PDB file of N, CA and C in Angstrom:
ATOM      1  N   MET A   1      -0.762 -35.826  13.685  1.00  0.00           N
ATOM      2  CA  MET A   1      -1.012 -34.412  13.386  1.00  0.00           C
ATOM      3  C   MET A   1      -0.853 -34.123  11.898  1.00  0.00           C
ATOM      4  N   LEU A   2       0.235 -34.662  11.317  1.00  0.00           N
ATOM      5  CA  LEU A   2       0.471 -34.401   9.898  1.00  0.00           C
ATOM      6  C   LEU A   2      -0.675 -34.972   9.065  1.00  0.00           C
ATOM      7  N   LYS A   3      -1.094 -36.195   9.419  1.00  0.00           N
ATOM      8  CA  LYS A   3      -2.174 -36.828   8.668  1.00  0.00           C
ATOM      9  C   LYS A   3      -3.443 -35.977   8.748  1.00  0.00           C
ATOM     10  N   ARG A   4      -3.726 -35.474   9.944  1.00  0.00           N
ATOM     11  CA  ARG A   4      -4.934 -34.664  10.117  1.00  0.00           C
ATOM     12  C   ARG A   4      -4.842 -33.393   9.274  1.00  0.00           C
ATOM     13  N   ASN A   5      -3.662 -32.787   9.246  1.00  0.00           N
ATOM     14  CA  ASN A   5      -3.481 -31.567   8.448  1.00  0.00           C
ATOM     15  C   ASN A   5      -3.669 -31.872   6.962  1.00  0.00           C
ATOM     16  N   LEU A   6      -3.150 -33.018   6.523  1.00  0.00           N
ATOM     17  CA  LEU A   6      -3.299 -33.396   5.111  1.00  0.00           C
ATOM     18  C   LEU A   6      -4.773 -33.597   4.775  1.00  0.00           C
ATOM     19  N   ILE A   7      -5.486 -34.268   5.682  1.00  0.00           N
ATOM     20  CA  ILE A   7      -6.915 -34.512   5.442  1.00  0.00           C
ATOM     21  C   ILE A   7      -7.666 -33.181   5.380  1.00  0.00           C
ATOM     22  N   ALA A   8      -7.325 -32.267   6.298  1.00  0.00           N
ATOM     23  CA  ALA A   8      -7.988 -30.958   6.306  1.00  0.00           C
ATOM     24  C   ALA A   8      -7.691 -30.213   5.006  1.00  0.00           C
ATOM     25  N   ALA A   9      -6.435 -30.266   4.564  1.00  0.00           N
ATOM     26  CA  ALA A   9      -6.067 -29.592   3.316  1.00  0.00           C
ATOM     27  C   ALA A   9      -6.808 -30.232   2.141  1.00  0.00           C
ATOM     28  N   GLY A  10      -6.910 -31.558   2.152  1.00  0.00           N
ATOM     29  CA  GLY A  10      -7.628 -32.259   1.085  1.00  0.00           C
ATOM     30  C   GLY A  10      -9.083 -31.826   1.021  1.00  0.00           C
ATOM     31  N   TYR A  11      -9.716 -31.742   2.204  1.00  0.00           N
ATOM     32  CA  TYR A  11     -11.109 -31.288   2.231  1.00  0.00           C
ATOM     33  C   TYR A  11     -11.216 -29.846   1.733  1.00  0.00           C
ATOM     34  N   ALA A  12     -10.279 -28.998   2.173  1.00  0.00           N
ATOM     35  CA  ALA A  12     -10.309 -27.593   1.769  1.00  0.00           C
ATOM     36  C   ALA A  12     -10.182 -27.471   0.247  1.00  0.00           C
ATOM     37  N   VAL A  13      -9.431 -28.390  -0.366  1.00  0.00           N
ATOM     38  CA  VAL A  13      -9.258 -28.348  -1.827  1.00  0.00           C
ATOM     39  C   VAL A  13     -10.443 -29.007  -2.532  1.00  0.00           C
ATOM     40  N   LEU A  14     -10.928 -30.128  -1.972  1.00  0.00           N
ATOM     41  CA  LEU A  14     -11.970 -30.903  -2.649  1.00  0.00           C
ATOM     42  C   LEU A  14     -13.338 -30.225  -2.577  1.00  0.00           C
ATOM     43  N   LEU A  15     -13.645 -29.590  -1.453  1.00  0.00           N
ATOM     44  CA  LEU A  15     -14.990 -29.010  -1.311  1.00  0.00           C
ATOM     45  C   LEU A  15     -15.272 -27.949  -2.379  1.00  0.00           C
ATOM     46  N   PRO A  16     -14.403 -26.945  -2.591  1.00  0.00           N
ATOM     47  CA  PRO A  16     -14.670 -25.970  -3.657  1.00  0.00           C
ATOM     48  C   PRO A  16     -14.704 -26.622  -5.036  1.00  0.00           C
ATOM     49  N   LEU A  17     -13.796 -27.572  -5.265  1.00  0.00           N
ATOM     50  CA  LEU A  17     -13.767 -28.254  -6.565  1.00  0.00           C
ATOM     51  C   LEU A  17     -15.087 -28.975  -6.803  1.00  0.00           C
ATOM     52  N   SER A  18     -15.532 -29.753  -5.812  1.00  0.00           N
ATOM     53  CA  SER A  18     -16.765 -30.525  -5.978  1.00  0.00           C
ATOM     54  C   SER A  18     -17.955 -29.588  -6.165  1.00  0.00           C
ATOM     55  N   SER A  19     -17.977 -28.478  -5.428  1.00  0.00           N
ATOM     56  CA  SER A  19     -19.105 -27.550  -5.551  1.00  0.00           C
ATOM     57  C   SER A  19     -19.128 -26.935  -6.948  1.00  0.00           C
ATOM     58  N   THR A  20     -17.964 -26.559  -7.473  1.00  0.00           N
ATOM     59  CA  THR A  20     -17.929 -25.978  -8.819  1.00  0.00           C
ATOM     60  C   THR A  20     -18.320 -27.025  -9.858  1.00  0.00           C
ATOM     61  N   ILE A  21     -17.858 -28.282  -9.649  1.00  0.00           N
ATOM     62  CA  ILE A  21     -18.203 -29.356 -10.592  1.00  0.00           C
ATOM     63  C   ILE A  21     -19.712 -29.579 -10.576  1.00  0.00           C
ATOM     64  N   ILE A  22     -20.312 -29.555  -9.371  1.00  0.00           N
ATOM     65  CA  ILE A  22     -21.764 -29.753  -9.270  1.00  0.00           C
ATOM     66  C   ILE A  22     -22.494 -28.619  -9.989  1.00  0.00           C
ATOM     67  N   VAL A  23     -22.014 -27.396  -9.802  1.00  0.00           N
ATOM     68  CA  VAL A  23     -22.652 -26.243 -10.460  1.00  0.00           C
ATOM     69  C   VAL A  23     -22.557 -26.386 -11.972  1.00  0.00           C
ATOM     70  N   VAL A  24     -21.379 -26.813 -12.456  1.00  0.00           N
ATOM     71  CA  VAL A  24     -21.196 -26.979 -13.906  1.00  0.00           C
ATOM     72  C   VAL A  24     -22.117 -28.074 -14.428  1.00  0.00           C
ATOM     73  N   LEU A  25     -22.214 -29.193 -13.679  1.00  0.00           N
ATOM     74  CA  LEU A  25     -23.077 -30.296 -14.112  1.00  0.00           C
ATOM     75  C   LEU A  25     -24.534 -29.851 -14.141  1.00  0.00           C
ATOM     76  N   VAL A  26     -24.954 -29.125 -13.117  1.00  0.00           N
ATOM     77  CA  VAL A  26     -26.349 -28.655 -13.073  1.00  0.00           C
ATOM     78  C   VAL A  26     -26.620 -27.710 -14.239  1.00  0.00           C
ATOM     79  N   ALA A  27     -25.676 -26.804 -14.505  1.00  0.00           N
ATOM     80  CA  ALA A  27     -25.859 -25.858 -15.608  1.00  0.00           C
ATOM     81  C   ALA A  27     -25.937 -26.609 -16.939  1.00  0.00           C
ATOM     82  N   ALA A  28     -25.063 -27.604 -17.114  1.00  0.00           N
ATOM     83  CA  ALA A  28     -25.068 -28.378 -18.359  1.00  0.00           C
ATOM     84  C   ALA A  28     -26.380 -29.145 -18.484  1.00  0.00           C
ATOM     85  N   GLY A  29     -26.870 -29.702 -17.379  1.00  0.00           N
ATOM     86  CA  GLY A  29     -28.135 -30.443 -17.412  1.00  0.00           C
ATOM     87  C   GLY A  29     -29.292 -29.521 -17.771  1.00  0.00           C
ATOM     88  N   VAL A  30     -29.300 -28.324 -17.196  1.00  0.00           N
ATOM     89  CA  VAL A  30     -30.374 -27.367 -17.493  1.00  0.00           C
ATOM     90  C   VAL A  30     -30.320 -26.982 -18.966  1.00  0.00           C
ATOM     91  N   GLU A  31     -29.123 -26.710 -19.470  1.00  0.00           N
ATOM     92  CA  GLU A  31     -28.992 -26.345 -20.887  1.00  0.00           C
ATOM     93  C   GLU A  31     -29.457 -27.502 -21.775  1.00  0.00           C
ATOM     94  N   GLY A  32     -29.083 -28.734 -21.393  1.00  0.00           N
ATOM     95  CA  GLY A  32     -29.478 -29.901 -22.188  1.00  0.00           C
ATOM     96  C   GLY A  32     -30.989 -30.066 -22.205  1.00  0.00           C
ATOM     97  N   THR A  33     -31.634 -29.911 -21.050  1.00  0.00           N
ATOM     98  CA  THR A  33     -33.088 -30.072 -21.007  1.00  0.00           C
ATOM     99  C   THR A  33     -33.769 -28.960 -21.794  1.00  0.00           C
ATOM    100  N   VAL A  34     -33.238 -27.739 -21.700  1.00  0.00           N
ATOM    101  CA  VAL A  34     -33.833 -26.615 -22.439  1.00  0.00           C
ATOM    102  C   VAL A  34     -33.717 -26.864 -23.936  1.00  0.00           C
ATOM    103  N   SER A  35     -32.537 -27.323 -24.382  1.00  0.00           N
ATOM    104  CA  SER A  35     -32.359 -27.577 -25.817  1.00  0.00           C
ATOM    105  C   SER A  35     -33.263 -28.726 -26.255  1.00  0.00           C
ATOM    106  N   GLY A  36     -33.413 -29.735 -25.400  1.00  0.00           N
ATOM    107  CA  GLY A  36     -34.292 -30.859 -25.741  1.00  0.00           C
ATOM    108  C   GLY A  36     -35.735 -30.405 -25.851  1.00  0.00           C
ATOM    109  N   ILE A  37     -36.164 -29.543 -24.935  1.00  0.00           N
ATOM    110  CA  ILE A  37     -37.541 -29.035 -24.983  1.00  0.00           C
ATOM    111  C   ILE A  37     -37.734 -28.204 -26.249  1.00  0.00           C
ATOM    112  N   ARG A  38     -36.726 -27.413 -26.602  1.00  0.00           N
ATOM    113  CA  ARG A  38     -36.842 -26.594 -27.817  1.00  0.00           C
ATOM    114  C   ARG A  38     -36.940 -27.495 -29.049  1.00  0.00           C
ATOM    115  N   ARG A  39     -36.152 -28.586 -29.051  1.00  0.00           N
ATOM    116  CA  ARG A  39     -36.214 -29.511 -30.194  1.00  0.00           C
ATOM    117  C   ARG A  39     -37.608 -30.110 -30.309  1.00  0.00           C
ATOM    118  N   LEU A  40     -38.181 -30.509 -29.156  1.00  0.00           N
ATOM    119  CA  LEU A  40     -39.526 -31.089 -29.186  1.00  0.00           C
ATOM    120  C   LEU A  40     -40.545 -30.041 -29.628  1.00  0.00           C
ATOM    121  N   ALA A  41     -40.373 -28.802 -29.186  1.00  0.00           N
ATOM    122  CA  ALA A  41     -41.321 -27.743 -29.542  1.00  0.00           C
ATOM    123  C   ALA A  41     -41.252 -27.458 -31.042  1.00  0.00           C
ATOM    124  N   ARG A  42     -40.066 -27.570 -31.627  1.00  0.00           N
ATOM    125  CA  ARG A  42     -39.932 -27.303 -33.064  1.00  0.00           C
ATOM    126  C   ARG A  42     -40.726 -28.331 -33.863  1.00  0.00           C
ATOM    127  N   ARG A  43     -40.705 -29.573 -33.403  1.00  0.00           N
ATOM    128  CA  ARG A  43     -41.481 -30.612 -34.100  1.00  0.00           C
ATOM    129  C   ARG A  43     -42.968 -30.351 -33.888  1.00  0.00           C
TER     130      ARG A  43
END
């Protein structure tokens, strides 16, 4: 029972963290591609 509760708590903590990390990575990737496109457009 204790192990199951720990696993559930771990998932409850990891899921929001992973989702926020994914959102941050996607936002950073979008910003990077936009800046890269702007650099190419300037040339």
